[in-house]
Amino acid sequence: MATKRPTIYDVAQAAGVSKSLVSLVLQGSPRVGEGSRKAVEAAIVELGYRPSRAAANLAAGRTRVVGVLIDDYTNLWFVDLVRGLHAALGPRGYRLSVVDVATDGQAEDPIDSFLSMRVDGMVVGMDPPRALSGAGLPPIVVAGTRELPEGVAAFDRVANDDAEGGRLVARHLVDLGHRRLGHLAAAGGAARARREAFVAQARDLGAAVAGTDWVGAATDEAGYLGTMELLRADPEITGIFAANDVMAVGALAAAREVGREVPGGLSVVGYDDTSLAASRLVSLTTVNDLSFDVGREAGALLLRRMRGESGPVARIVLPPSMTLRATTATPAVTGSAAAR
């Protein structure tokens, strides 16, 4: 039969003091007399009492919990973001509570949920909702390229330079000799910034660009369907840039289905440089957007704000780079020739 764990009330009774005095001892308060302190410490040792960290944090006016708001559990970018956040916050005793508004946020407003949990801070990894414009909010850092709706306060922000990432892809494909390109769109400020920069740079370099109008989640199914749509409309396309790595994998599946060899018959580029892209089976050329570093920088910035440091709103932008793997090369044949 399990032995009941001693409580703070047991310690108080054994030491012959009040519960509030035990709490003061646990907090290291100088207001406790030496005799009472020794009696409480002796009772703690005798009973084997282990104080609740959560209770101690609440007594100090904090929970040591940081809320993280995302909008797609299936997007591997969030995996690296959360890893980076944990690297910055975990060693300081903080736990992360992650809510995906696409699933978890249906029954209860996620902002209200975090506020009811009394989180010490929040990291927003999606286009911020209008609910963030109210008063009484904890320190907030926005992670990633996001669009702030009108009325939402300006928050500290950490992001990869998504526009430069889009330009890197355009230059890479055009330098390889591709002149007819396709782009797979997705919803969100980051995907939009990548697309606009990619299209503008490609056209400046003399390439034609066709694109899909998809504004949903960046899934492999969306990448597959979008690629099929692009290749049906323009079989001469020899290079495709997807909004992220997951969509790029869908593009690879579509290329295989229609008989377009990758990379000779069709080059495919993703974005995020996730573990999926790095797998030997996929070996996807992609953009390294330093998602782990985005999370780590966001966590470090949030720590400073939670400590009460003031100052102007911060904007940290990290430079992306191309990761070249096996899905891009000089086009061996035109799209129509590959289809014959």
C-alpha atoms as a PDB file:
ATOM      1  CA  MET A   1       0.000   0.000   0.000  1.00  0.00           C
ATOM      2  CA  ALA A   2       1.387   3.384  -0.993  1.00  0.00           C
ATOM      3  CA  THR A   3       2.482   5.716   1.766  1.00  0.00           C
ATOM      4  CA  LYS A   4       0.797   9.106   1.746  1.00  0.00           C
ATOM      5  CA  ARG A   5       3.174  11.906   0.841  1.00  0.00           C
ATOM      6  CA  PRO A   6       3.603  14.449   3.658  1.00  0.00           C
ATOM      7  CA  THR A   7       2.031  17.839   3.074  1.00  0.00           C
ATOM      8  CA  ILE A   8       2.889  21.328   4.179  1.00  0.00           C
ATOM      9  CA  TYR A   9       0.199  20.940   6.833  1.00  0.00           C
ATOM     10  CA  ASP A  10       1.999  17.902   8.243  1.00  0.00           C
ATOM     11  CA  VAL A  11       5.215  19.898   8.435  1.00  0.00           C
ATOM     12  CA  ALA A  12       3.443  22.743  10.225  1.00  0.00           C
ATOM     13  CA  GLN A  13       1.897  20.360  12.750  1.00  0.00           C
ATOM     14  CA  ALA A  14       5.198  18.576  13.400  1.00  0.00           C
ATOM     15  CA  ALA A  15       7.050  21.851  13.871  1.00  0.00           C
ATOM     16  CA  GLY A  16       4.295  23.391  15.965  1.00  0.00           C
ATOM     17  CA  VAL A  17       3.913  26.400  13.672  1.00  0.00           C
ATOM     18  CA  SER A  18       1.395  27.695  11.136  1.00  0.00           C
ATOM     19  CA  LYS A  19       1.258  26.733   7.450  1.00  0.00           C
ATOM     20  CA  SER A  20       2.033  30.317   6.459  1.00  0.00           C
ATOM     21  CA  LEU A  21       5.202  30.265   8.521  1.00  0.00           C
ATOM     22  CA  VAL A  22       6.320  27.054   6.780  1.00  0.00           C
ATOM     23  CA  SER A  23       5.715  28.811   3.464  1.00  0.00           C
ATOM     24  CA  LEU A  24       7.910  31.703   4.589  1.00  0.00           C
ATOM     25  CA  VAL A  25      10.691  29.269   5.492  1.00  0.00           C
ATOM     26  CA  LEU A  26      10.437  27.599   2.072  1.00  0.00           C
ATOM     27  CA  GLN A  27      10.678  31.019   0.400  1.00  0.00           C
ATOM     28  CA  GLY A  28      13.772  31.910   2.442  1.00  0.00           C
ATOM     29  CA  SER A  29      12.050  34.863   4.083  1.00  0.00           C
ATOM     30  CA  PRO A  30      14.192  36.844   6.571  1.00  0.00           C
ATOM     31  CA  ARG A  31      11.083  37.468   8.672  1.00  0.00           C
ATOM     32  CA  VAL A  32      11.263  34.009  10.294  1.00  0.00           C
ATOM     33  CA  GLY A  33      13.015  33.639  13.654  1.00  0.00           C
ATOM     34  CA  GLU A  34      15.969  31.262  13.938  1.00  0.00           C
ATOM     35  CA  GLY A  35      14.177  28.913  16.357  1.00  0.00           C
ATOM     36  CA  SER A  36      11.109  28.566  14.162  1.00  0.00           C
ATOM     37  CA  ARG A  37      13.262  28.091  11.065  1.00  0.00           C
ATOM     38  CA  LYS A  38      15.228  25.243  12.671  1.00  0.00           C
ATOM     39  CA  ALA A  39      12.003  23.584  13.877  1.00  0.00           C
ATOM     40  CA  VAL A  40      10.522  23.700  10.352  1.00  0.00           C
ATOM     41  CA  GLU A  41      13.734  22.433   8.729  1.00  0.00           C
ATOM     42  CA  ALA A  42      13.937  19.557  11.216  1.00  0.00           C
ATOM     43  CA  ALA A  43      10.307  18.607  10.515  1.00  0.00           C
ATOM     44  CA  ILE A  44      10.978  18.668   6.748  1.00  0.00           C
ATOM     45  CA  VAL A  45      13.905  16.276   7.161  1.00  0.00           C
ATOM     46  CA  GLU A  46      12.039  13.990   9.565  1.00  0.00           C
ATOM     47  CA  LEU A  47       8.957  13.712   7.366  1.00  0.00           C
ATOM     48  CA  GLY A  48      10.814  13.619   4.049  1.00  0.00           C
ATOM     49  CA  TYR A  49       8.706  16.501   2.789  1.00  0.00           C
ATOM     50  CA  ARG A  50       9.281  17.638  -0.796  1.00  0.00           C
ATOM     51  CA  PRO A  51       7.787  21.066  -1.533  1.00  0.00           C
ATOM     52  CA  SER A  52       5.647  21.484  -4.644  1.00  0.00           C
ATOM     53  CA  ARG A  53       7.476  23.546  -7.227  1.00  0.00           C
ATOM     54  CA  ALA A  54       4.161  24.633  -8.708  1.00  0.00           C
ATOM     55  CA  ALA A  55       2.902  25.835  -5.329  1.00  0.00           C
ATOM     56  CA  ALA A  56       6.147  27.675  -4.663  1.00  0.00           C
ATOM     57  CA  ASN A  57       5.975  29.366  -8.049  1.00  0.00           C
ATOM     58  CA  LEU A  58       2.388  30.422  -7.463  1.00  0.00           C
ATOM     59  CA  ALA A  59       3.327  31.811  -4.075  1.00  0.00           C
ATOM     60  CA  ALA A  60       5.999  33.861  -5.817  1.00  0.00           C
ATOM     61  CA  GLY A  61       3.446  35.116  -8.353  1.00  0.00           C
ATOM     62  CA  ARG A  62       4.588  32.966 -11.284  1.00  0.00           C
ATOM     63  CA  THR A  63       3.858  29.586 -12.835  1.00  0.00           C
ATOM     64  CA  ARG A  64       7.069  28.922 -14.793  1.00  0.00           C
ATOM     65  CA  VAL A  65       4.859  28.044 -17.778  1.00  0.00           C
ATOM     66  CA  VAL A  66       5.150  29.627 -21.231  1.00  0.00           C
ATOM     67  CA  GLY A  67       2.249  29.293 -23.645  1.00  0.00           C
ATOM     68  CA  VAL A  68       3.082  28.536 -27.283  1.00  0.00           C
ATOM     69  CA  LEU A  69       0.422  29.216 -29.913  1.00  0.00           C
ATOM     70  CA  ILE A  70       0.673  27.457 -33.302  1.00  0.00           C
ATOM     71  CA  ASP A  71      -1.732  26.625 -36.123  1.00  0.00           C
ATOM     72  CA  ASP A  72      -0.612  23.287 -37.566  1.00  0.00           C
ATOM     73  CA  TYR A  73       0.800  20.326 -35.607  1.00  0.00           C
ATOM     74  CA  THR A  74       1.741  18.625 -38.880  1.00  0.00           C
ATOM     75  CA  ASN A  75       4.097  21.434 -39.916  1.00  0.00           C
ATOM     76  CA  LEU A  76       7.587  20.222 -38.988  1.00  0.00           C
ATOM     77  CA  TRP A  77       8.787  23.820 -38.689  1.00  0.00           C
ATOM     78  CA  PHE A  78       7.107  23.929 -35.299  1.00  0.00           C
ATOM     79  CA  VAL A  79       9.108  20.927 -34.091  1.00  0.00           C
ATOM     80  CA  ASP A  80      12.378  22.824 -34.488  1.00  0.00           C
ATOM     81  CA  LEU A  81      10.824  26.025 -33.139  1.00  0.00           C
ATOM     82  CA  VAL A  82       9.740  24.262 -29.940  1.00  0.00           C
ATOM     83  CA  ARG A  83      13.151  22.593 -29.626  1.00  0.00           C
ATOM     84  CA  GLY A  84      14.782  26.012 -29.773  1.00  0.00           C
ATOM     85  CA  LEU A  85      12.344  27.441 -27.230  1.00  0.00           C
ATOM     86  CA  HIS A  86      13.057  24.571 -24.864  1.00  0.00           C
ATOM     87  CA  ALA A  87      16.813  25.097 -25.261  1.00  0.00           C
ATOM     88  CA  ALA A  88      16.406  28.684 -24.062  1.00  0.00           C
ATOM     89  CA  LEU A  89      13.675  28.230 -21.466  1.00  0.00           C
ATOM     90  CA  GLY A  90      14.054  24.676 -20.142  1.00  0.00           C
ATOM     91  CA  PRO A  91      17.347  25.212 -18.278  1.00  0.00           C
ATOM     92  CA  ARG A  92      15.723  28.203 -16.524  1.00  0.00           C
ATOM     93  CA  GLY A  93      12.948  26.011 -15.138  1.00  0.00           C
ATOM     94  CA  TYR A  94      10.202  26.875 -17.629  1.00  0.00           C
ATOM     95  CA  ARG A  95       7.762  24.389 -19.142  1.00  0.00           C
ATOM     96  CA  LEU A  96       6.027  24.847 -22.487  1.00  0.00           C
ATOM     97  CA  SER A  97       2.281  24.492 -23.008  1.00  0.00           C
ATOM     98  CA  VAL A  98       1.588  24.204 -26.752  1.00  0.00           C
ATOM     99  CA  VAL A  99      -1.831  24.834 -28.285  1.00  0.00           C
ATOM    100  CA  ASP A 100      -2.655  24.252 -31.953  1.00  0.00           C
ATOM    101  CA  VAL A 101      -5.609  26.482 -32.818  1.00  0.00           C
ATOM    102  CA  ALA A 102      -6.515  24.222 -35.740  1.00  0.00           C
ATOM    103  CA  THR A 103      -7.446  21.473 -33.264  1.00  0.00           C
ATOM    104  CA  ASP A 104      -7.105  22.354 -29.582  1.00  0.00           C
ATOM    105  CA  GLY A 105      -8.524  25.840 -29.948  1.00  0.00           C
ATOM    106  CA  GLN A 106     -12.007  24.838 -31.065  1.00  0.00           C
ATOM    107  CA  ALA A 107     -13.645  24.463 -27.654  1.00  0.00           C
ATOM    108  CA  GLU A 108     -12.008  27.368 -25.829  1.00  0.00           C
ATOM    109  CA  ASP A 109     -10.242  30.522 -26.906  1.00  0.00           C
ATOM    110  CA  PRO A 110      -6.536  29.643 -26.584  1.00  0.00           C
ATOM    111  CA  ILE A 111      -5.623  33.102 -25.286  1.00  0.00           C
ATOM    112  CA  ASP A 112      -8.229  32.813 -22.520  1.00  0.00           C
ATOM    113  CA  SER A 113      -6.906  29.350 -21.775  1.00  0.00           C
ATOM    114  CA  PHE A 114      -3.348  30.631 -21.361  1.00  0.00           C
ATOM    115  CA  LEU A 115      -4.524  33.532 -19.214  1.00  0.00           C
ATOM    116  CA  SER A 116      -6.492  31.188 -16.967  1.00  0.00           C
ATOM    117  CA  MET A 117      -3.316  29.105 -16.601  1.00  0.00           C
ATOM    118  CA  ARG A 118      -1.503  32.308 -15.550  1.00  0.00           C
ATOM    119  CA  VAL A 119       1.337  31.671 -17.984  1.00  0.00           C
ATOM    120  CA  ASP A 120       4.385  33.857 -17.403  1.00  0.00           C
ATOM    121  CA  GLY A 121       4.771  34.588 -21.105  1.00  0.00           C
ATOM    122  CA  MET A 122       3.644  33.603 -24.588  1.00  0.00           C
ATOM    123  CA  VAL A 123       5.265  32.770 -27.918  1.00  0.00           C
ATOM    124  CA  VAL A 124       2.993  33.181 -30.952  1.00  0.00           C
ATOM    125  CA  GLY A 125       4.052  31.049 -33.932  1.00  0.00           C
ATOM    126  CA  MET A 126       1.213  32.068 -36.275  1.00  0.00           C
ATOM    127  CA  ASP A 127      -0.472  35.198 -37.570  1.00  0.00           C
ATOM    128  CA  PRO A 128      -1.564  36.726 -34.209  1.00  0.00           C
ATOM    129  CA  PRO A 129      -5.310  36.728 -33.468  1.00  0.00           C
ATOM    130  CA  ARG A 130      -7.101  39.951 -32.540  1.00  0.00           C
ATOM    131  CA  ALA A 131      -7.497  38.651 -28.975  1.00  0.00           C
ATOM    132  CA  LEU A 132      -3.891  39.707 -28.384  1.00  0.00           C
ATOM    133  CA  SER A 133      -4.926  43.359 -28.495  1.00  0.00           C
ATOM    134  CA  GLY A 134      -6.466  43.333 -25.011  1.00  0.00           C
ATOM    135  CA  ALA A 135      -5.032  44.426 -21.684  1.00  0.00           C
ATOM    136  CA  GLY A 136      -3.641  42.207 -18.956  1.00  0.00           C
ATOM    137  CA  LEU A 137      -1.459  40.110 -21.266  1.00  0.00           C
ATOM    138  CA  PRO A 138       1.879  38.615 -20.215  1.00  0.00           C
ATOM    139  CA  PRO A 139       5.072  39.328 -22.203  1.00  0.00           C
ATOM    140  CA  ILE A 140       4.674  38.087 -25.791  1.00  0.00           C
ATOM    141  CA  VAL A 141       7.147  37.298 -28.559  1.00  0.00           C
ATOM    142  CA  VAL A 142       6.019  36.561 -32.135  1.00  0.00           C
ATOM    143  CA  ALA A 143       8.064  33.852 -33.873  1.00  0.00           C
ATOM    144  CA  GLY A 144       8.253  33.758 -37.662  1.00  0.00           C
ATOM    145  CA  THR A 145       7.167  36.184 -40.364  1.00  0.00           C
ATOM    146  CA  ARG A 146       3.613  37.070 -39.387  1.00  0.00           C
ATOM    147  CA  GLU A 147       0.954  39.577 -40.351  1.00  0.00           C
ATOM    148  CA  LEU A 148      -0.267  41.626 -37.407  1.00  0.00           C
ATOM    149  CA  PRO A 149      -3.965  42.500 -37.807  1.00  0.00           C
ATOM    150  CA  GLU A 150      -5.047  46.081 -37.290  1.00  0.00           C
ATOM    151  CA  GLY A 151      -5.470  46.871 -33.608  1.00  0.00           C
ATOM    152  CA  VAL A 152      -2.987  44.263 -32.401  1.00  0.00           C
ATOM    153  CA  ALA A 153      -0.088  45.751 -30.460  1.00  0.00           C
ATOM    154  CA  ALA A 154       3.441  45.618 -31.795  1.00  0.00           C
ATOM    155  CA  PHE A 155       5.293  42.752 -30.122  1.00  0.00           C
ATOM    156  CA  ASP A 156       8.900  41.653 -30.036  1.00  0.00           C
ATOM    157  CA  ARG A 157       9.497  39.517 -33.128  1.00  0.00           C
ATOM    158  CA  VAL A 158      12.064  36.933 -34.211  1.00  0.00           C
ATOM    159  CA  ALA A 159      11.993  35.543 -37.739  1.00  0.00           C
ATOM    160  CA  ASN A 160      13.959  34.190 -40.632  1.00  0.00           C
ATOM    161  CA  ASP A 161      14.177  36.554 -43.611  1.00  0.00           C
ATOM    162  CA  ASP A 162      11.514  34.761 -45.662  1.00  0.00           C
ATOM    163  CA  ALA A 163      11.672  37.258 -48.504  1.00  0.00           C
ATOM    164  CA  GLU A 164      15.417  36.679 -48.932  1.00  0.00           C
ATOM    165  CA  GLY A 165      14.777  32.939 -48.777  1.00  0.00           C
ATOM    166  CA  GLY A 166      12.373  33.212 -51.709  1.00  0.00           C
ATOM    167  CA  ARG A 167      14.949  35.188 -53.680  1.00  0.00           C
ATOM    168  CA  LEU A 168      17.618  32.571 -52.951  1.00  0.00           C
ATOM    169  CA  VAL A 169      15.419  29.864 -54.481  1.00  0.00           C
ATOM    170  CA  ALA A 170      14.703  31.929 -57.593  1.00  0.00           C
ATOM    171  CA  ARG A 171      18.394  32.639 -58.139  1.00  0.00           C
ATOM    172  CA  HIS A 172      19.307  28.984 -57.583  1.00  0.00           C
ATOM    173  CA  LEU A 173      16.806  27.656 -60.126  1.00  0.00           C
ATOM    174  CA  VAL A 174      17.537  30.307 -62.745  1.00  0.00           C
ATOM    175  CA  ASP A 175      21.293  29.806 -62.338  1.00  0.00           C
ATOM    176  CA  LEU A 176      20.737  26.111 -63.097  1.00  0.00           C
ATOM    177  CA  GLY A 177      19.027  27.053 -66.363  1.00  0.00           C
ATOM    178  CA  HIS A 178      15.332  26.837 -65.451  1.00  0.00           C
ATOM    179  CA  ARG A 179      13.172  29.390 -67.241  1.00  0.00           C
ATOM    180  CA  ARG A 180       9.625  28.118 -66.601  1.00  0.00           C
ATOM    181  CA  LEU A 181       8.905  27.818 -62.883  1.00  0.00           C
ATOM    182  CA  GLY A 182       5.989  26.924 -60.662  1.00  0.00           C
ATOM    183  CA  HIS A 183       5.161  27.920 -57.099  1.00  0.00           C
ATOM    184  CA  LEU A 184       3.016  26.065 -54.565  1.00  0.00           C
ATOM    185  CA  ALA A 185       1.259  28.556 -52.305  1.00  0.00           C
ATOM    186  CA  ALA A 186      -0.011  28.195 -48.725  1.00  0.00           C
ATOM    187  CA  ALA A 187      -1.701  30.369 -46.126  1.00  0.00           C
ATOM    188  CA  GLY A 188       0.119  32.650 -43.693  1.00  0.00           C
ATOM    189  CA  GLY A 189       2.421  35.636 -43.677  1.00  0.00           C
ATOM    190  CA  ALA A 190       5.625  33.600 -44.023  1.00  0.00           C
ATOM    191  CA  ALA A 191       4.412  31.688 -47.092  1.00  0.00           C
ATOM    192  CA  ARG A 192       3.172  34.903 -48.648  1.00  0.00           C
ATOM    193  CA  ALA A 193       6.498  36.677 -48.136  1.00  0.00           C
ATOM    194  CA  ARG A 194       8.367  33.745 -49.697  1.00  0.00           C
ATOM    195  CA  ARG A 195       6.060  33.631 -52.705  1.00  0.00           C
ATOM    196  CA  GLU A 196       6.093  37.343 -53.488  1.00  0.00           C
ATOM    197  CA  ALA A 197       9.878  37.560 -53.292  1.00  0.00           C
ATOM    198  CA  PHE A 198      10.364  34.368 -55.331  1.00  0.00           C
ATOM    199  CA  VAL A 199       8.056  35.509 -58.129  1.00  0.00           C
ATOM    200  CA  ALA A 200       9.544  39.014 -58.294  1.00  0.00           C
ATOM    201  CA  GLN A 201      13.148  37.769 -58.333  1.00  0.00           C
ATOM    202  CA  ALA A 202      12.471  35.035 -60.913  1.00  0.00           C
ATOM    203  CA  ARG A 203      10.767  37.449 -63.274  1.00  0.00           C
ATOM    204  CA  ASP A 204      13.555  39.987 -62.842  1.00  0.00           C
ATOM    205  CA  LEU A 205      15.950  37.237 -63.941  1.00  0.00           C
ATOM    206  CA  GLY A 206      13.901  36.471 -67.049  1.00  0.00           C
ATOM    207  CA  ALA A 207      11.972  33.384 -65.884  1.00  0.00           C
ATOM    208  CA  ALA A 208       8.208  32.838 -66.180  1.00  0.00           C
ATOM    209  CA  VAL A 209       6.347  31.802 -63.026  1.00  0.00           C
ATOM    210  CA  ALA A 210       2.978  30.091 -62.650  1.00  0.00           C
ATOM    211  CA  GLY A 211       1.439  29.599 -59.229  1.00  0.00           C
ATOM    212  CA  THR A 212      -1.390  27.924 -57.376  1.00  0.00           C
ATOM    213  CA  ASP A 213      -4.001  29.852 -55.411  1.00  0.00           C
ATOM    214  CA  TRP A 214      -4.148  27.461 -52.433  1.00  0.00           C
ATOM    215  CA  VAL A 215      -4.587  29.355 -49.130  1.00  0.00           C
ATOM    216  CA  GLY A 216      -4.933  26.410 -46.757  1.00  0.00           C
ATOM    217  CA  ALA A 217      -2.425  24.479 -44.676  1.00  0.00           C
ATOM    218  CA  ALA A 218       0.882  23.522 -46.294  1.00  0.00           C
ATOM    219  CA  THR A 219       0.292  19.757 -46.484  1.00  0.00           C
ATOM    220  CA  ASP A 220       1.754  17.062 -48.726  1.00  0.00           C
ATOM    221  CA  GLU A 221      -1.701  16.592 -50.289  1.00  0.00           C
ATOM    222  CA  ALA A 222      -1.832  20.284 -51.183  1.00  0.00           C
ATOM    223  CA  GLY A 223       1.649  19.978 -52.691  1.00  0.00           C
ATOM    224  CA  TYR A 224       0.639  16.930 -54.710  1.00  0.00           C
ATOM    225  CA  LEU A 225      -2.577  18.446 -56.057  1.00  0.00           C
ATOM    226  CA  GLY A 226      -0.928  21.790 -56.734  1.00  0.00           C
ATOM    227  CA  THR A 227       1.886  20.194 -58.710  1.00  0.00           C
ATOM    228  CA  MET A 228      -0.550  18.165 -60.785  1.00  0.00           C
ATOM    229  CA  GLU A 229      -2.450  21.369 -61.516  1.00  0.00           C
ATOM    230  CA  LEU A 230       0.696  23.262 -62.522  1.00  0.00           C
ATOM    231  CA  LEU A 231       2.033  20.528 -64.805  1.00  0.00           C
ATOM    232  CA  ARG A 232      -1.326  20.045 -66.522  1.00  0.00           C
ATOM    233  CA  ALA A 233      -1.598  23.778 -67.178  1.00  0.00           C
ATOM    234  CA  ASP A 234       2.015  24.167 -68.318  1.00  0.00           C
ATOM    235  CA  PRO A 235       3.987  20.984 -69.118  1.00  0.00           C
ATOM    236  CA  GLU A 236       7.060  23.140 -69.886  1.00  0.00           C
ATOM    237  CA  ILE A 237       7.628  23.863 -66.191  1.00  0.00           C
ATOM    238  CA  THR A 238      10.969  22.417 -65.103  1.00  0.00           C
ATOM    239  CA  GLY A 239      11.335  23.834 -61.590  1.00  0.00           C
ATOM    240  CA  ILE A 240       8.898  24.028 -58.658  1.00  0.00           C
ATOM    241  CA  PHE A 241       9.279  25.936 -55.388  1.00  0.00           C
ATOM    242  CA  ALA A 242       6.992  24.781 -52.569  1.00  0.00           C
ATOM    243  CA  ALA A 243       5.929  26.869 -49.570  1.00  0.00           C
ATOM    244  CA  ASN A 244       7.567  24.339 -47.246  1.00  0.00           C
ATOM    245  CA  ASP A 245       9.230  20.920 -47.164  1.00  0.00           C
ATOM    246  CA  VAL A 246       5.996  19.013 -46.574  1.00  0.00           C
ATOM    247  CA  MET A 247       4.411  20.464 -49.716  1.00  0.00           C
ATOM    248  CA  ALA A 248       7.615  19.732 -51.622  1.00  0.00           C
ATOM    249  CA  VAL A 249       7.290  16.033 -50.726  1.00  0.00           C
ATOM    250  CA  GLY A 250       3.795  16.127 -52.243  1.00  0.00           C
ATOM    251  CA  ALA A 251       5.345  17.665 -55.369  1.00  0.00           C
ATOM    252  CA  LEU A 252       7.831  14.786 -55.575  1.00  0.00           C
ATOM    253  CA  ALA A 253       4.951  12.305 -55.415  1.00  0.00           C
ATOM    254  CA  ALA A 254       3.153  14.091 -58.253  1.00  0.00           C
ATOM    255  CA  ALA A 255       6.312  14.147 -60.371  1.00  0.00           C
ATOM    256  CA  ARG A 256       6.722  10.401 -59.930  1.00  0.00           C
ATOM    257  CA  GLU A 257       3.102   9.777 -60.870  1.00  0.00           C
ATOM    258  CA  VAL A 258       3.316  11.682 -64.150  1.00  0.00           C
ATOM    259  CA  GLY A 259       6.697  10.243 -65.058  1.00  0.00           C
ATOM    260  CA  ARG A 260       8.805  13.358 -64.504  1.00  0.00           C
ATOM    261  CA  GLU A 261      12.233  12.309 -63.275  1.00  0.00           C
ATOM    262  CA  VAL A 262      13.633  14.407 -60.414  1.00  0.00           C
ATOM    263  CA  PRO A 263      15.849  16.349 -60.823  1.00  0.00           C
ATOM    264  CA  GLY A 264      16.430  15.979 -64.611  1.00  0.00           C
ATOM    265  CA  GLY A 265      12.818  16.315 -65.675  1.00  0.00           C
ATOM    266  CA  LEU A 266      11.685  18.447 -62.735  1.00  0.00           C
ATOM    267  CA  SER A 267      13.628  20.212 -59.995  1.00  0.00           C
ATOM    268  CA  VAL A 268      11.858  20.669 -56.649  1.00  0.00           C
ATOM    269  CA  VAL A 269      12.789  23.020 -53.793  1.00  0.00           C
ATOM    270  CA  GLY A 270      11.256  23.161 -50.320  1.00  0.00           C
ATOM    271  CA  TYR A 271      11.608  25.508 -47.366  1.00  0.00           C
ATOM    272  CA  ASP A 272      12.507  24.995 -43.661  1.00  0.00           C
ATOM    273  CA  ASP A 273      15.262  22.352 -43.977  1.00  0.00           C
ATOM    274  CA  THR A 274      13.380  19.954 -41.713  1.00  0.00           C
ATOM    275  CA  SER A 275      14.362  16.415 -40.754  1.00  0.00           C
ATOM    276  CA  LEU A 276      12.047  15.245 -43.546  1.00  0.00           C
ATOM    277  CA  ALA A 277      14.087  17.120 -46.151  1.00  0.00           C
ATOM    278  CA  ALA A 278      17.341  15.756 -44.759  1.00  0.00           C
ATOM    279  CA  SER A 279      16.221  12.114 -44.831  1.00  0.00           C
ATOM    280  CA  ARG A 280      18.199   9.969 -47.271  1.00  0.00           C
ATOM    281  CA  LEU A 281      15.032   8.862 -49.050  1.00  0.00           C
ATOM    282  CA  VAL A 282      13.909  12.430 -49.810  1.00  0.00           C
ATOM    283  CA  SER A 283      17.230  14.357 -49.940  1.00  0.00           C
ATOM    284  CA  LEU A 284      15.370  17.588 -50.707  1.00  0.00           C
ATOM    285  CA  THR A 285      17.005  20.819 -51.774  1.00  0.00           C
ATOM    286  CA  THR A 286      15.538  23.413 -49.454  1.00  0.00           C
ATOM    287  CA  VAL A 287      16.091  26.675 -47.580  1.00  0.00           C
ATOM    288  CA  ASN A 288      17.586  26.535 -44.110  1.00  0.00           C
ATOM    289  CA  ASP A 289      15.516  29.099 -42.227  1.00  0.00           C
ATOM    290  CA  LEU A 290      17.239  28.505 -38.870  1.00  0.00           C
ATOM    291  CA  SER A 291      13.953  27.520 -37.220  1.00  0.00           C
ATOM    292  CA  PHE A 292      15.749  26.140 -34.144  1.00  0.00           C
ATOM    293  CA  ASP A 293      17.624  29.434 -33.804  1.00  0.00           C
ATOM    294  CA  VAL A 294      14.384  31.376 -34.245  1.00  0.00           C
ATOM    295  CA  GLY A 295      12.965  29.452 -31.282  1.00  0.00           C
ATOM    296  CA  ARG A 296      16.088  29.906 -29.188  1.00  0.00           C
ATOM    297  CA  GLU A 297      16.261  33.656 -29.879  1.00  0.00           C
ATOM    298  CA  ALA A 298      12.534  34.028 -29.181  1.00  0.00           C
ATOM    299  CA  GLY A 299      12.956  32.199 -25.871  1.00  0.00           C
ATOM    300  CA  ALA A 300      15.932  34.336 -24.867  1.00  0.00           C
ATOM    301  CA  LEU A 301      14.050  37.519 -25.733  1.00  0.00           C
ATOM    302  CA  LEU A 302      11.000  36.360 -23.788  1.00  0.00           C
ATOM    303  CA  LEU A 303      13.179  35.589 -20.762  1.00  0.00           C
ATOM    304  CA  ARG A 304      14.396  39.168 -20.702  1.00  0.00           C
ATOM    305  CA  ARG A 305      10.862  40.507 -20.901  1.00  0.00           C
ATOM    306  CA  MET A 306       9.650  38.143 -18.158  1.00  0.00           C
ATOM    307  CA  ARG A 307      12.458  39.454 -15.946  1.00  0.00           C
ATOM    308  CA  GLY A 308      10.977  42.906 -16.409  1.00  0.00           C
ATOM    309  CA  GLU A 309      13.528  44.348 -18.827  1.00  0.00           C
ATOM    310  CA  SER A 310      12.100  47.248 -20.808  1.00  0.00           C
ATOM    311  CA  GLY A 311      13.232  48.861 -24.025  1.00  0.00           C
ATOM    312  CA  PRO A 312      11.984  49.386 -27.576  1.00  0.00           C
ATOM    313  CA  VAL A 313      10.167  46.632 -29.451  1.00  0.00           C
ATOM    314  CA  ALA A 314      12.760  44.183 -30.787  1.00  0.00           C
ATOM    315  CA  ARG A 315      12.891  42.835 -34.333  1.00  0.00           C
ATOM    316  CA  ILE A 316      15.434  40.060 -34.912  1.00  0.00           C
ATOM    317  CA  VAL A 317      15.789  38.758 -38.475  1.00  0.00           C
ATOM    318  CA  LEU A 318      18.017  35.736 -39.159  1.00  0.00           C
ATOM    319  CA  PRO A 319      19.586  35.180 -42.620  1.00  0.00           C
ATOM    320  CA  PRO A 320      18.530  32.014 -44.523  1.00  0.00           C
ATOM    321  CA  SER A 321      20.759  29.883 -46.740  1.00  0.00           C
ATOM    322  CA  MET A 322      20.283  27.227 -49.413  1.00  0.00           C
ATOM    323  CA  THR A 323      20.817  23.572 -48.535  1.00  0.00           C
ATOM    324  CA  LEU A 324      21.589  21.803 -51.802  1.00  0.00           C
ATOM    325  CA  ARG A 325      20.651  18.134 -52.056  1.00  0.00           C
ATOM    326  CA  ALA A 326      19.419  15.755 -54.750  1.00  0.00           C
ATOM    327  CA  THR A 327      16.194  17.333 -56.044  1.00  0.00           C
ATOM    328  CA  THR A 328      17.614  20.186 -58.148  1.00  0.00           C
ATOM    329  CA  ALA A 329      19.851  20.125 -61.216  1.00  0.00           C
ATOM    330  CA  THR A 330      20.226  21.603 -64.671  1.00  0.00           C
ATOM    331  CA  PRO A 331      17.089  20.687 -66.658  1.00  0.00           C
ATOM    332  CA  ALA A 332      17.936  17.759 -68.923  1.00  0.00           C
ATOM    333  CA  VAL A 333      14.856  18.170 -71.111  1.00  0.00           C
ATOM    334  CA  THR A 334      11.844  20.446 -71.360  1.00  0.00           C
ATOM    335  CA  GLY A 335       8.641  19.466 -69.655  1.00  0.00           C
ATOM    336  CA  SER A 336       6.866  18.534 -72.906  1.00  0.00           C
ATOM    337  CA  ALA A 337       9.783  16.378 -74.031  1.00  0.00           C
ATOM    338  CA  ALA A 338       9.809  14.572 -70.702  1.00  0.00           C
ATOM    339  CA  ALA A 339       6.115  13.841 -71.024  1.00  0.00           C
ATOM    340  CA  ARG A 340       6.458  12.191 -74.469  1.00  0.00           C
END
